[in-house]
Protein backbone atom coordinates (compact mmCIF):
# COMPACT_ATOMS: atom_id res chain seq x y z
CA MET A 1 95.60 108.06 73.84
CA ILE A 2 92.27 107.01 75.80
CA VAL A 3 93.00 104.02 77.83
CA ALA A 4 89.74 103.42 79.93
CA PRO A 5 88.38 100.24 80.18
CA GLU A 6 85.20 101.07 78.84
CA THR A 7 83.79 103.91 76.95
CA ARG A 8 80.21 105.72 76.22
CA ASP A 9 78.44 108.15 75.13
CA LEU A 10 79.08 111.18 76.51
CA GLU A 11 76.25 113.23 75.81
CA GLU A 12 74.29 110.58 76.82
CA LEU A 13 76.20 110.57 80.19
CA ALA A 14 75.90 114.19 80.32
CA GLY A 15 72.17 114.21 80.60
CA LYS A 16 72.26 111.74 83.56
CA LEU A 17 74.26 113.42 85.47
CA ALA A 18 72.71 116.58 85.36
CA GLY A 19 69.50 114.93 86.25
CA TRP A 20 71.17 112.84 89.16
CA LEU A 21 72.57 116.21 90.29
CA SER A 22 69.54 117.69 90.77
CA GLY A 23 69.03 115.10 93.61
CA GLN A 24 72.06 116.05 95.13
CA MET A 25 71.27 119.63 95.10
CA PRO A 26 67.63 119.90 95.40
CA LYS A 27 68.17 123.81 95.57
CA ALA A 28 70.06 124.79 92.20
CA THR A 29 68.30 125.20 89.38
CA GLY A 30 69.43 125.39 85.77
CA ILE A 31 72.26 122.27 86.37
CA ALA A 32 74.15 121.97 82.94
CA ILE A 33 76.85 119.51 82.16
CA GLY A 34 79.50 120.29 79.67
CA ASN A 35 83.29 119.71 78.68
CA LEU A 36 83.29 115.80 79.05
CA ALA A 37 86.15 113.91 78.37
CA TYR A 38 87.90 110.82 79.44
CA PRO A 39 91.72 111.24 80.54
CA ARG A 40 94.23 110.13 77.92
CA GLY A 41 97.47 108.06 78.93
CA ALA A 42 96.00 106.96 82.39
CA GLY A 43 93.45 105.46 83.96
CA GLN A 44 93.10 101.69 82.60
CA SER A 45 91.34 99.99 85.57
CA HIS A 46 88.25 102.36 86.30
CA GLU A 47 86.11 103.97 83.72
CA THR A 48 86.63 107.80 85.03
CA VAL A 49 85.79 110.82 82.82
CA LEU A 50 86.30 114.29 83.56
CA PHE A 51 83.30 117.17 83.22
CA ASP A 52 82.11 120.79 84.35
CA ALA A 53 78.81 121.29 86.12
CA ARG A 54 77.26 124.66 86.35
CA TRP A 55 74.20 126.02 88.27
CA SER A 56 72.33 128.64 89.91
CA GLU A 57 71.81 128.78 93.80
CA GLY A 58 70.88 131.11 95.95
CA GLY A 59 71.05 134.10 93.55
CA ARG A 60 74.57 133.23 92.71
CA GLU A 61 76.07 131.60 89.43
CA HIS A 62 78.25 128.28 90.37
CA GLU A 63 80.88 126.30 88.53
CA GLN A 64 82.59 122.98 89.48
CA GLY A 65 85.03 120.69 87.54
CA CYS A 66 84.42 117.58 88.33
CA VAL A 67 85.37 113.66 87.74
CA VAL A 68 83.14 111.13 87.95
CA ARG A 69 84.59 107.38 88.78
CA ILE A 70 82.67 104.32 87.83
CA LYS A 71 82.75 100.96 89.45
CA PRO A 72 84.36 98.25 86.60
CA ARG A 73 81.65 96.09 85.83
CA SER A 74 83.87 93.21 83.71
CA PHE A 75 87.47 94.69 83.20
CA THR A 76 88.33 93.38 87.05
CA VAL A 77 92.25 93.73 87.49
CA PHE A 78 91.84 93.01 91.29
CA PRO A 79 90.04 90.53 93.12
CA ASP A 80 89.14 92.95 96.06
CA ASN A 81 86.35 95.08 95.55
CA LEU A 82 87.62 98.66 97.40
CA PHE A 83 85.57 100.92 95.33
CA ASP A 84 83.80 102.05 98.66
CA GLU A 85 86.78 102.05 100.77
CA GLN A 86 88.75 103.85 98.52
CA TYR A 87 85.99 107.12 98.66
CA GLN A 88 86.16 106.58 102.39
CA VAL A 89 90.07 106.75 102.19
CA MET A 90 89.85 110.09 99.97
CA LYS A 91 87.34 111.40 102.15
CA LEU A 92 89.28 111.07 105.53
CA LEU A 93 92.40 112.16 103.89
CA ALA A 94 90.78 115.55 102.40
CA GLU A 95 89.44 116.30 105.98
CA ASP A 96 92.79 115.47 107.43
CA GLY A 97 94.42 117.79 104.78
CA ARG A 98 98.33 116.95 104.86
CA VAL A 99 97.70 114.43 101.74
CA ARG A 100 96.72 116.68 98.74
CA VAL A 101 93.56 114.57 97.22
CA ALA A 102 91.09 115.37 95.00
CA ARG A 103 87.96 116.61 97.55
CA PRO A 104 85.33 113.43 97.21
CA LEU A 105 81.88 115.34 96.64
CA TRP A 106 78.81 112.66 95.94
CA PHE A 107 78.95 108.95 95.93
CA GLU A 108 76.11 106.87 94.46
CA GLU A 109 75.44 103.32 95.62
CA ASP A 110 72.46 102.56 93.13
CA PRO A 111 73.97 100.56 90.19
CA GLU A 112 71.08 101.76 88.00
CA LEU A 113 71.61 105.03 86.50
CA LEU A 114 75.52 104.14 84.89
CA GLY A 115 75.22 100.59 84.97
CA ASN A 116 77.52 100.28 88.44
CA PRO A 117 77.93 102.23 91.75
CA PHE A 118 80.14 105.59 90.74
CA PHE A 119 81.40 109.04 92.48
CA VAL A 120 81.99 112.28 91.86
CA MET A 121 85.18 114.13 93.15
CA GLU A 122 86.55 117.43 92.50
CA LYS A 123 88.58 118.03 89.36
CA LYS A 124 91.90 119.11 90.18
CA GLN A 125 93.81 121.05 87.44
CA GLY A 126 97.50 120.31 86.36
CA ARG A 127 99.81 117.78 84.78
CA VAL A 128 100.09 114.29 85.29
CA PRO A 129 103.46 112.11 83.86
CA VAL A 130 100.81 109.36 81.84
CA SER A 131 102.33 105.82 81.02
CA ILE A 132 101.44 105.55 77.54
CA PRO A 133 103.61 107.22 75.84
CA PRO A 134 106.22 106.89 78.74
CA TYR A 135 106.65 110.39 80.51
CA ALA A 136 110.57 109.74 80.50
CA ARG A 137 110.38 109.53 77.00
CA GLU A 138 108.17 112.12 74.86
CA GLY A 139 105.98 115.19 76.72
CA TRP A 140 106.20 117.47 79.31
CA LEU A 141 108.77 116.39 81.87
CA SER A 142 111.02 114.81 79.82
CA GLU A 143 111.12 118.29 78.13
CA ALA A 144 111.43 120.02 81.56
CA THR A 145 114.76 120.97 83.29
CA PRO A 146 117.18 119.10 85.69
CA GLU A 147 116.34 121.56 88.20
CA GLN A 148 112.66 121.05 87.44
CA ARG A 149 112.86 117.47 88.10
CA ARG A 150 114.54 117.77 91.32
CA THR A 151 111.50 120.07 92.57
CA LEU A 152 109.34 117.53 91.30
CA TRP A 153 110.90 114.51 92.61
CA THR A 154 111.51 116.28 96.12
CA ASN A 155 107.67 117.45 96.22
CA ALA A 156 106.54 113.98 95.25
CA VAL A 157 108.55 111.81 97.56
CA ILE A 158 107.30 114.53 100.74
CA GLN A 159 103.75 113.71 99.60
CA LEU A 160 104.53 110.06 99.75
CA ALA A 161 105.87 110.28 103.09
CA THR A 162 103.18 112.18 104.48
CA ILE A 163 100.74 109.30 103.95
CA GLN A 164 102.62 107.41 106.88
CA CYS A 165 102.32 110.52 108.97
CA VAL A 166 98.48 110.33 108.86
CA PRO A 167 96.92 108.41 112.15
CA THR A 168 95.38 105.11 111.09
CA ASP A 169 92.91 104.83 113.44
CA ARG A 170 89.74 106.51 111.63
CA PHE A 171 90.92 103.88 108.90
CA GLY A 172 89.20 100.55 110.39
CA PHE A 173 87.19 99.98 107.71
CA LEU A 174 90.28 98.60 105.89
CA LYS A 175 91.40 95.53 107.95
CA GLY A 176 92.21 92.80 106.06
CA PRO A 177 90.27 89.00 107.58
CA ALA A 178 90.95 87.25 110.82
CA GLY A 179 94.62 87.06 111.14
CA ALA A 180 95.42 89.29 108.68
CA GLU A 181 93.81 92.19 110.01
CA GLN A 182 96.89 94.91 108.68
CA GLY A 183 100.68 95.08 108.95
CA LEU A 184 102.33 92.97 106.20
CA ALA A 185 99.85 89.77 106.84
CA GLN A 186 97.25 91.98 105.40
CA GLU A 187 99.16 92.47 101.96
CA TRP A 188 100.41 89.12 101.82
CA ASP A 189 97.33 88.04 102.47
CA LYS A 190 95.69 90.08 99.56
CA TYR A 191 98.13 88.60 97.00
CA VAL A 192 98.23 85.06 98.19
CA ARG A 193 94.41 85.19 97.14
CA PHE A 194 95.44 87.49 94.00
CA THR A 195 97.36 83.96 93.06
CA THR A 196 94.55 81.94 93.65
CA TRP A 197 91.88 83.77 91.44
CA LEU A 198 94.75 83.77 88.58
CA GLU A 199 94.49 79.77 88.88
CA GLU A 200 90.76 79.89 88.36
CA VAL A 201 92.05 81.04 84.45
CA ALA A 202 95.42 79.06 84.34
CA PRO A 203 97.96 77.21 86.88
CA GLN A 204 100.48 79.90 88.00
CA PRO A 205 103.68 77.39 88.87
CA ILE A 206 105.86 80.33 88.63
CA LEU A 207 103.54 82.64 91.06
CA ARG A 208 103.66 80.18 93.40
CA ALA A 209 107.23 79.75 93.71
CA ALA A 210 107.90 83.26 94.03
CA LEU A 211 105.33 83.31 97.10
CA GLU A 212 107.50 80.11 98.77
CA ARG A 213 110.80 81.95 98.17
CA LEU A 214 109.58 85.37 99.64
CA LYS A 215 107.95 83.45 102.75
CA SER A 216 111.40 81.69 103.68
CA SER A 217 113.05 85.17 103.56
CA TRP A 218 110.33 87.00 105.60
CA PRO A 219 111.35 90.88 106.96
CA HIS A 220 111.79 91.33 110.22
CA GLN A 221 110.92 95.46 109.89
CA ASP A 222 107.19 95.49 109.73
CA PRO A 223 106.80 99.62 110.10
CA ALA A 224 102.44 100.06 110.55
CA GLY A 225 100.79 102.64 108.06
CA LEU A 226 98.16 103.10 105.48
CA VAL A 227 99.08 101.70 101.99
CA TRP A 228 98.02 104.06 99.17
CA GLY A 229 99.01 100.97 96.56
CA ASP A 230 99.89 102.36 93.35
CA ALA A 231 102.69 104.81 94.47
CA ARG A 232 104.41 106.59 91.91
CA ILE A 233 104.33 110.06 90.13
CA GLY A 234 102.51 108.75 87.17
CA ASN A 235 99.32 108.77 90.12
CA MET A 236 100.52 112.55 90.75
CA MET A 237 99.05 115.77 89.52
CA PHE A 238 101.45 118.41 89.34
CA ASP A 239 101.17 122.45 88.83
CA GLU A 240 103.26 124.60 86.83
CA ASN A 241 106.07 124.77 89.54
CA PHE A 242 106.16 121.21 89.68
CA ASP A 243 104.40 120.85 93.06
CA VAL A 244 101.98 118.18 93.88
CA VAL A 245 98.42 119.24 93.20
CA ALA A 246 96.91 115.44 93.72
CA VAL A 247 97.73 111.83 95.13
CA MET A 248 95.26 110.30 92.75
CA ASP A 249 94.24 106.24 92.23
CA TRP A 250 93.20 105.21 95.90
CA GLU A 251 91.80 101.90 94.37
CA GLN A 252 94.07 99.20 96.51
CA PRO A 253 94.50 100.77 100.09
CA SER A 254 94.72 98.40 102.78
CA LEU A 255 96.71 98.96 106.33
CA GLY A 256 99.35 97.14 105.16
CA GLY A 257 102.33 98.91 106.89
CA ALA A 258 104.49 102.03 105.63
CA LEU A 259 107.36 99.98 103.52
CA HIS A 260 104.91 99.04 100.39
CA ASP A 261 104.40 102.25 99.20
CA LEU A 262 108.28 103.24 99.41
CA ALA A 263 109.28 99.95 97.87
CA TRP A 264 107.02 100.33 95.03
CA PHE A 265 107.68 104.12 94.41
CA CYS A 266 111.45 102.91 93.96
CA THR A 267 110.75 100.10 92.05
CA LEU A 268 108.51 102.46 89.70
CA ALA A 269 110.88 105.08 89.69
CA GLU A 270 113.94 103.12 88.43
CA THR A 271 111.94 101.23 85.77
CA MET A 272 110.00 104.26 84.25
CA HIS A 273 112.98 106.72 84.72
CA GLY A 274 116.08 105.23 86.38
CA ARG A 275 119.74 104.67 84.95
CA SER A 276 118.35 101.23 84.17
CA ALA A 277 114.86 102.44 82.99
CA VAL A 278 112.94 99.80 80.89
CA HIS A 279 109.90 101.55 79.93
CA GLY A 280 111.09 105.08 79.82
CA ALA A 281 114.08 106.85 79.51
CA TYR A 282 116.92 108.47 82.45
CA LEU A 283 115.60 111.66 83.25
CA GLU A 284 118.42 113.67 85.38
CA GLY A 285 117.31 115.15 88.30
CA MET A 286 115.33 112.62 89.63
CA GLY A 287 116.68 111.61 93.07
CA THR A 288 118.42 108.34 93.02
CA ARG A 289 116.81 105.33 95.01
CA GLU A 290 119.10 106.16 98.30
CA GLU A 291 118.01 109.90 97.96
CA THR A 292 114.43 109.00 97.72
CA ILE A 293 114.80 106.43 100.97
CA ALA A 294 116.49 108.87 102.79
CA LEU A 295 113.79 112.23 102.10
CA TRP A 296 110.96 109.46 102.87
CA GLU A 297 112.77 108.90 106.44
CA GLU A 298 113.40 112.20 107.08
CA THR A 299 109.78 113.50 106.19
CA CYS A 300 107.73 110.45 107.83
CA GLY A 301 110.15 109.61 110.65
CA LYS A 302 110.07 105.78 110.28
CA SER A 303 112.88 103.44 109.29
CA ALA A 304 113.39 102.15 105.64
CA GLU A 305 115.54 99.06 106.75
CA GLY A 306 114.90 95.98 105.03
CA LEU A 307 113.27 97.31 102.25
CA GLU A 308 114.80 95.61 99.74
CA TRP A 309 112.52 92.14 100.59
CA TYR A 310 109.59 95.00 100.02
CA GLU A 311 110.87 95.63 96.62
CA GLU A 312 111.26 92.05 95.55
CA PHE A 313 107.80 91.68 96.92
CA THR A 314 106.67 94.89 94.77
CA HIS A 315 107.85 92.96 91.86
CA PHE A 316 106.23 89.79 92.67
CA LYS A 317 102.46 92.22 92.95
CA MET A 318 103.00 94.06 89.65
CA THR A 319 103.92 90.40 88.04
CA CYS A 320 100.55 89.25 89.79
CA THR A 321 98.74 92.34 87.80
CA GLY A 322 100.63 91.93 84.96
CA VAL A 323 99.22 88.27 84.56
CA ARG A 324 95.79 89.65 85.26
CA LEU A 325 95.78 92.05 82.55
CA GLY A 326 97.27 89.38 80.32
CA GLN A 327 94.36 87.53 81.09
CA LEU A 328 91.47 90.01 80.71
CA ARG A 329 93.05 91.19 77.12
CA GLY A 330 94.17 87.52 75.96
CA THR A 331 97.50 88.08 75.41
CA PRO A 332 100.05 87.25 77.74
CA MET A 333 102.38 90.80 78.91
CA MET A 334 105.10 88.36 79.43
CA ASP A 335 106.72 84.98 78.47
CA GLU A 336 107.60 82.33 81.42
CA ALA A 337 111.41 83.79 81.31
CA MET A 338 110.95 87.33 81.87
CA MET A 339 108.72 86.23 85.09
CA ARG A 340 111.30 83.83 86.18
CA LYS A 341 113.92 86.63 86.15
CA ARG A 342 111.68 89.07 87.67
CA LEU A 343 110.77 87.18 90.68
CA LYS A 344 114.01 85.09 90.74
CA VAL A 345 112.73 81.98 89.88
CA ASP A 346 115.07 78.88 88.97
């Protein structure tokens, strides 16, 4: 199922990309674009199109699998525009080499060609545990053996933890506003502003009450680190050996600290394939929360003490996103009783 926020004529897009690439590669001749397709079961927030490019240069034939990611126009899920930043984050991570990301190739700031800025990155080959339909109910991961799933889980957690091994000194462009430049203060500021943004459409008393409850139990543990933003196996690509090919979807990065991604990963794992799965089904072989935490700590050398608060904050973040998606689609994704239960608001 194609879940892109909007789609366009792919034949017309091919012609535009071929002309644009001729400017990026002035020595290339015979540029041809083919095999355009929208990814299935993923990619709800950005229009993302897969394609293959072929050209001649220096007496040789070249071929490159590519992905074009276009900045959202009207279907904006988040209040912060971090389109440029996600490209820069991927570029630095690709240069560092420890976190497996698709290599960014070109960035186009001018919105004239495709209606908004866009960037092109290399296309990786592999399989993704998609959300639609839920990967735990059907598809290659549900059909895998417990041993294969264990391998996938181990490799996924190691990559998740490896993000926290990357020095953050080159990521200064991710700093937040004064008083909330990094650490928990930055992520907190982002979601306070998210709540205010949602209130431009309708009051959000439950979200406000949840913020007060979370603030009253503010954690002492706030280890530094880079935030991926949507840390889950559904944003990872795996090869036939169940190893990680790419860590994807860096649209909401920050310097908010190491525990946000771990909390998000654990929360989504329980929701999608854990013993109390809501949207999927239990997948034998996937590690437990306790095993995930232990492997994460062992890999990155940071403490996960106080993770419970960050998991509750994760539920708040997910609720904000759910409310926003409901606003965009004109249909609420959760009722008031569900919100109160999730956010522990009376």
